[in-house]
């Protein structure tokens, strides 16, 4: 049984039609404006909530330092050679241009690197060391920063062409620079060799009563090496014959072939040298100046000539 009041009908009468309400145009416009207003308020609320959520939380100093190191770790590592090693390298030798390599020789001798110390003690080594440091720093700068910048900031097709060309140029510069810096054919008497000659010859300088004649092949390098050798022997206490009144100069000698090389003593018989040249050869070999004998039948029995041939 259906309640007549609840159903809205009466017994015995016709069922009334359902009334349909239509919203006017103004009502629809107001409803749309209300909907847009609600959407706008909701959008503003969401933006505010996101903005408040992105506010940075309090971070400790240690965390800030860790984040900084994590972000710039490789940049710092790549910058160490240019920021620390290069200035230290220049600082250790920067008393004066002439003393640049000698300071490094002192460091090498202090660390037990005697071979390096002998090479660094040469006067001509200073510019080689300085420009070698500059060349290595330039190549490192290009490899560590230049190439990554080209790869990241150029198109793939452009980088495929530019990067190999850049690498080829760097290799060419490195090879040429290494050749120009390290290629030094000149022989020199090192400070250690001078000290060794003075130590060996000084006590027995009286065993060489006659003045020593030194000859050198007609070559600038051999002539310069002979002069350095004469100066070292003079400082050790030996008497020398100089072929110039103004400076120490060896006797010029024309090398008949390219086999005339090294330092040797001309004696009448190389298988049976006299006592004086034998002692001199022992002193030179003791100072790491490789010396051998050569036969010259034109010399008298006790005469000998110290000769510097081609390299």
Protein backbone atom coordinates (compact mmCIF):
# COMPACT_ATOMS: atom_id res chain seq x y z
CA UNK A 1 0.00 0.00 0.00
CA UNK A 2 1.43 3.36 -1.02
CA UNK A 3 0.83 6.43 1.02
CA UNK A 4 -1.12 8.94 -1.01
CA UNK A 5 0.63 11.86 0.68
CA UNK A 6 4.10 10.47 0.00
CA UNK A 7 3.39 9.60 -3.64
CA UNK A 8 1.76 12.94 -4.33
CA UNK A 9 -1.32 11.38 -5.87
CA UNK A 10 -4.92 11.05 -4.89
CA UNK A 11 -7.09 8.03 -5.27
CA UNK A 12 -9.55 8.21 -7.98
CA UNK A 13 -8.05 11.25 -9.77
CA UNK A 14 -5.71 11.64 -12.79
CA UNK A 15 -1.90 11.53 -12.28
CA UNK A 16 -0.50 15.08 -12.61
CA UNK A 17 2.31 15.77 -15.07
CA UNK A 18 5.89 16.38 -13.77
CA UNK A 19 6.72 20.06 -13.90
CA UNK A 20 9.97 20.95 -15.76
CA UNK A 21 11.90 24.08 -14.76
CA UNK A 22 14.13 25.80 -17.32
CA UNK A 23 17.02 28.14 -16.38
CA UNK A 24 17.11 31.43 -18.09
CA UNK A 25 20.14 32.64 -20.08
CA UNK A 26 21.14 34.99 -17.29
CA UNK A 27 21.00 32.15 -14.81
CA UNK A 28 23.21 29.97 -16.97
CA UNK A 29 25.69 32.84 -17.28
CA UNK A 30 25.77 33.34 -13.53
CA UNK A 31 26.24 29.63 -12.98
CA UNK A 32 29.19 29.55 -15.43
CA UNK A 33 30.76 32.55 -13.74
CA UNK A 34 30.43 30.84 -10.39
CA UNK A 35 32.05 27.70 -11.76
CA UNK A 36 34.98 29.68 -13.19
CA UNK A 37 35.37 31.53 -9.90
CA UNK A 38 35.54 28.23 -8.00
CA UNK A 39 38.14 26.87 -10.46
CA UNK A 40 40.20 30.03 -10.08
CA UNK A 41 40.12 29.81 -6.28
CA UNK A 42 41.09 26.14 -6.43
CA UNK A 43 43.98 26.88 -8.80
CA UNK A 44 45.27 29.66 -6.52
CA UNK A 45 45.00 27.37 -3.53
CA UNK A 46 46.98 24.60 -5.27
CA UNK A 47 49.68 27.07 -6.34
CA UNK A 48 49.97 28.38 -2.81
CA UNK A 49 50.23 24.89 -1.42
CA UNK A 50 52.95 23.96 -3.93
CA UNK A 51 54.85 27.17 -3.23
CA UNK A 52 54.74 26.52 0.47
CA UNK A 53 55.86 22.91 0.00
CA UNK A 54 58.93 23.97 -2.04
CA UNK A 55 60.28 26.29 0.63
CA UNK A 56 63.77 25.09 1.65
CA UNK A 57 64.04 23.44 4.97
CA UNK A 58 66.79 24.52 7.38
CA UNK A 59 70.07 22.88 6.24
CA UNK A 60 73.21 22.54 8.32
CA UNK A 61 76.55 24.01 7.25
CA UNK A 62 78.02 20.55 6.85
CA UNK A 63 75.21 19.57 4.48
CA UNK A 64 75.75 22.74 2.43
CA UNK A 65 79.46 21.96 2.11
CA UNK A 66 78.71 18.36 1.12
CA UNK A 67 76.23 19.51 -1.54
CA UNK A 68 78.75 22.02 -2.90
CA UNK A 69 81.50 19.41 -3.13
CA UNK A 70 79.12 16.94 -4.75
CA UNK A 71 78.10 19.45 -7.40
CA UNK A 72 81.52 20.91 -8.20
CA UNK A 73 83.72 17.91 -7.36
CA UNK A 74 85.04 17.22 -10.88
CA UNK A 75 85.50 20.91 -11.63
CA UNK A 76 87.65 21.27 -8.52
CA UNK A 77 89.64 18.14 -9.31
CA UNK A 78 90.28 19.26 -12.90
CA UNK A 79 91.33 22.71 -11.71
CA UNK A 80 93.93 21.44 -9.22
CA UNK A 81 96.84 21.21 -11.72
CA UNK A 82 96.29 24.78 -12.92
CA UNK A 83 95.30 26.22 -9.55
CA UNK A 84 97.87 24.57 -7.28
CA UNK A 85 100.44 22.45 -9.12
CA UNK A 86 101.33 25.06 -11.76
CA UNK A 87 101.81 27.93 -9.25
CA UNK A 88 103.84 25.63 -6.98
CA UNK A 89 105.96 24.52 -9.92
CA UNK A 90 106.76 28.11 -10.82
CA UNK A 91 107.21 29.08 -7.17
CA UNK A 92 109.80 26.40 -6.44
CA UNK A 93 112.06 27.74 -9.17
CA UNK A 94 111.21 31.42 -9.32
CA UNK A 95 114.24 33.10 -7.77
CA UNK A 96 115.54 34.27 -11.12
CA UNK A 97 115.69 33.13 -14.75
CA UNK A 98 119.23 31.80 -14.37
CA UNK A 99 118.45 29.96 -11.14
CA UNK A 100 115.17 28.41 -12.30
CA UNK A 101 116.54 24.96 -13.13
CA UNK A 102 119.22 25.06 -10.42
CA UNK A 103 116.53 25.31 -7.76
CA UNK A 104 114.88 22.21 -9.20
CA UNK A 105 118.30 20.53 -9.24
CA UNK A 106 118.59 21.19 -5.51
CA UNK A 107 115.15 19.67 -4.90
CA UNK A 108 116.01 16.64 -7.06
CA UNK A 109 119.33 16.15 -5.26
CA UNK A 110 117.54 16.44 -1.91
CA UNK A 111 115.12 13.69 -2.96
CA UNK A 112 117.92 11.45 -4.23
CA UNK A 113 117.32 11.93 -7.98
CA UNK A 114 120.96 12.45 -8.92
CA UNK A 115 120.49 11.95 -12.67
CA UNK A 116 117.75 14.56 -12.78
CA UNK A 117 119.85 16.85 -10.61
CA UNK A 118 122.75 16.66 -13.08
CA UNK A 119 120.46 17.48 -16.00
CA UNK A 120 118.70 20.29 -14.16
CA UNK A 121 121.97 21.85 -13.06
CA UNK A 122 122.87 22.66 -16.66
CA UNK A 123 122.51 26.31 -17.59
CA UNK A 124 120.54 25.53 -20.76
CA UNK A 125 117.96 23.44 -18.89
CA UNK A 126 116.15 26.41 -17.30
CA UNK A 127 114.21 27.56 -20.39
CA UNK A 128 113.38 23.94 -21.24
CA UNK A 129 111.85 23.33 -17.83
CA UNK A 130 109.90 26.60 -17.85
CA UNK A 131 108.43 26.18 -21.34
CA UNK A 132 107.79 22.50 -20.66
CA UNK A 133 105.58 23.45 -17.70
CA UNK A 134 103.71 25.99 -19.85
CA UNK A 135 103.19 23.44 -22.66
CA UNK A 136 101.88 20.74 -20.32
CA UNK A 137 99.53 23.24 -18.65
CA UNK A 138 98.14 24.39 -22.01
CA UNK A 139 97.51 20.84 -23.21
CA UNK A 140 95.84 19.93 -19.92
CA UNK A 141 93.65 23.04 -20.07
CA UNK A 142 92.39 22.12 -23.55
CA UNK A 143 91.80 18.46 -22.69
CA UNK A 144 90.13 19.07 -19.33
CA UNK A 145 87.93 22.04 -20.26
CA UNK A 146 88.06 22.80 -23.98
CA UNK A 147 87.00 19.43 -25.39
CA UNK A 148 84.12 18.88 -22.89
CA UNK A 149 82.85 22.39 -23.72
CA UNK A 150 82.89 21.63 -27.47
CA UNK A 151 81.11 18.31 -26.98
CA UNK A 152 78.37 19.78 -24.78
CA UNK A 153 77.72 23.01 -26.69
CA UNK A 154 77.89 21.96 -30.35
CA UNK A 155 75.63 19.86 -32.47
CA UNK A 156 76.41 16.20 -32.82
CA UNK A 157 77.32 16.49 -36.48
CA UNK A 158 79.55 19.50 -35.80
CA UNK A 159 81.21 17.87 -32.79
CA UNK A 160 81.98 14.76 -34.86
CA UNK A 161 84.16 16.95 -37.09
CA UNK A 162 85.50 19.56 -34.66
CA UNK A 163 86.59 17.23 -31.84
CA UNK A 164 88.88 14.96 -33.95
CA UNK A 165 90.45 18.03 -35.60
CA UNK A 166 91.06 19.60 -32.18
CA UNK A 167 92.62 16.39 -30.85
CA UNK A 168 94.88 16.18 -33.92
CA UNK A 169 96.01 19.79 -33.41
CA UNK A 170 96.72 19.13 -29.73
CA UNK A 171 98.80 16.04 -30.59
CA UNK A 172 100.74 17.99 -33.22
CA UNK A 173 101.44 20.82 -30.76
CA UNK A 174 102.50 18.34 -28.07
CA UNK A 175 104.89 16.48 -30.40
CA UNK A 176 106.40 19.68 -31.80
CA UNK A 177 106.73 21.26 -28.36
CA UNK A 178 108.30 18.15 -26.89
CA UNK A 179 110.79 18.05 -29.76
CA UNK A 180 111.70 21.72 -29.38
CA UNK A 181 111.95 21.59 -25.60
CA UNK A 182 113.65 18.25 -24.96
CA UNK A 183 115.81 17.97 -28.09
CA UNK A 184 119.16 19.18 -26.78
CA UNK A 185 122.15 17.54 -28.51
CA UNK A 186 124.74 19.65 -26.72
CA UNK A 187 126.99 17.96 -24.15
CA UNK A 188 127.76 19.76 -20.93
CA UNK A 189 129.91 19.25 -17.86
CA UNK A 190 127.57 19.17 -14.88
CA UNK A 191 128.25 20.60 -11.46
CA UNK A 192 128.54 17.11 -10.02
CA UNK A 193 131.12 16.16 -12.64
CA UNK A 194 133.13 19.31 -11.90
CA UNK A 195 133.05 18.53 -8.20
CA UNK A 196 134.05 14.92 -8.88
CA UNK A 197 136.99 15.98 -11.05
CA UNK A 198 138.17 18.36 -8.36
CA UNK A 199 137.86 15.62 -5.76
CA UNK A 200 139.86 13.09 -7.83
CA UNK A 201 142.45 15.30 -9.54
CA UNK A 202 143.02 17.78 -6.71
CA UNK A 203 145.18 15.47 -4.53
CA UNK A 204 147.21 14.23 -7.55
CA UNK A 205 147.48 17.48 -9.53
CA UNK A 206 151.25 17.39 -8.96
CA UNK A 207 151.42 14.17 -11.00
CA UNK A 208 150.73 16.24 -14.15
CA UNK A 209 153.79 18.49 -14.45
CA UNK A 210 153.28 19.47 -18.08
CA UNK A 211 150.44 21.66 -19.38
CA UNK A 212 147.62 19.67 -20.90
CA UNK A 213 146.78 20.20 -24.55
CA UNK A 214 143.07 19.91 -25.38
CA UNK A 215 141.88 19.58 -28.97
CA UNK A 216 138.31 19.78 -30.28
CA UNK A 217 136.72 18.90 -33.59
CA UNK A 218 135.73 21.86 -35.73
CA UNK A 219 132.15 21.81 -34.52
CA UNK A 220 130.37 24.37 -32.28
CA UNK A 221 129.02 21.71 -29.97
CA UNK A 222 132.36 19.91 -29.57
CA UNK A 223 134.18 23.23 -29.14
CA UNK A 224 131.78 24.35 -26.39
CA UNK A 225 132.04 21.03 -24.59
CA UNK A 226 135.83 21.16 -24.78
CA UNK A 227 135.84 24.65 -23.22
CA UNK A 228 133.65 23.45 -20.34
CA UNK A 229 135.95 20.47 -19.85
CA UNK A 230 139.03 22.72 -19.82
CA UNK A 231 137.44 24.99 -17.21
CA UNK A 232 136.58 22.00 -15.02
CA UNK A 233 140.13 20.62 -15.27
CA UNK A 234 141.61 24.05 -14.50
CA UNK A 235 139.43 24.34 -11.40
CA UNK A 236 140.67 20.89 -10.37
CA UNK A 237 144.27 22.16 -10.40
CA UNK A 238 145.60 21.08 -13.80
CA UNK A 239 147.72 23.25 -16.09
CA UNK A 240 146.25 23.85 -19.55
CA UNK A 241 147.43 25.15 -22.90
CA UNK A 242 144.99 27.71 -24.33
CA UNK A 243 145.04 28.59 -28.01
CA UNK A 244 143.64 32.08 -27.38
CA UNK A 245 145.09 34.95 -25.35
CA UNK A 246 141.64 36.28 -24.40
CA UNK A 247 139.81 33.14 -23.30
CA UNK A 248 140.13 29.44 -22.70
CA UNK A 249 140.13 27.83 -26.13
CA UNK A 250 141.01 24.31 -27.35
CA UNK A 251 143.22 23.48 -30.30
CA UNK A 252 141.09 23.17 -33.45
CA UNK A 253 141.13 19.77 -35.09
CA UNK A 254 139.54 18.68 -38.34
CA UNK A 255 137.59 15.43 -38.01
CA UNK A 256 138.38 13.28 -41.03
CA UNK A 257 135.25 11.17 -40.55
CA UNK A 258 132.06 11.05 -38.51
CA UNK A 259 133.55 8.14 -36.51
CA UNK A 260 135.70 10.62 -34.56
CA UNK A 261 133.31 10.79 -31.63
CA UNK A 262 133.36 11.16 -27.88
CA UNK A 263 136.19 12.09 -25.55
CA UNK A 264 139.50 10.29 -26.05
CA UNK A 265 143.22 10.65 -25.38
CA UNK A 266 145.62 10.54 -28.29
CA UNK A 267 148.71 8.52 -27.30
CA UNK A 268 151.53 6.89 -29.30
CA UNK A 269 150.15 3.42 -28.56
CA UNK A 270 146.62 2.99 -27.20
CA UNK A 271 147.46 -0.53 -26.01
CA UNK A 272 150.27 0.83 -23.82
CA UNK A 273 149.47 4.42 -22.79
CA UNK A 274 151.89 6.42 -20.62
CA UNK A 275 151.29 6.89 -16.91
CA UNK A 276 149.96 10.49 -17.05
CA UNK A 277 147.21 9.90 -19.65
CA UNK A 278 146.25 6.70 -17.84
CA UNK A 279 145.69 8.62 -14.59
CA UNK A 280 143.79 11.35 -16.45
CA UNK A 281 141.54 8.78 -18.13
CA UNK A 282 140.81 7.19 -14.76
CA UNK A 283 139.87 10.58 -13.32
CA UNK A 284 137.60 11.44 -16.25
CA UNK A 285 135.88 8.03 -16.15
CA UNK A 286 135.49 8.43 -12.38
CA UNK A 287 133.55 11.65 -13.07
CA UNK A 288 131.27 9.81 -15.54
CA UNK A 289 133.00 11.32 -18.59
CA UNK A 290 133.53 8.30 -20.79
CA UNK A 291 137.10 8.44 -22.07
CA UNK A 292 139.09 6.00 -24.21
CA UNK A 293 142.48 5.92 -25.97
CA UNK A 294 143.32 6.42 -29.63
CA UNK A 295 146.65 5.79 -31.34
CA UNK A 296 148.52 8.73 -32.88
CA UNK A 297 151.96 7.56 -34.11
CA UNK A 298 153.10 11.16 -34.68
CA UNK A 299 153.27 11.85 -30.94
CA UNK A 300 156.43 11.43 -28.91
CA UNK A 301 156.75 8.70 -26.31
CA UNK A 302 155.42 10.68 -23.32
CA UNK A 303 153.19 13.15 -25.13
CA UNK A 304 149.38 12.97 -25.25
CA UNK A 305 146.43 15.14 -26.26
CA UNK A 306 142.96 15.20 -24.70
CA UNK A 307 140.55 15.31 -27.63
CA UNK A 308 136.84 16.07 -27.83
CA UNK A 309 135.32 14.59 -30.98
CA UNK A 310 131.83 14.77 -32.43
CA UNK A 311 128.85 13.69 -30.41
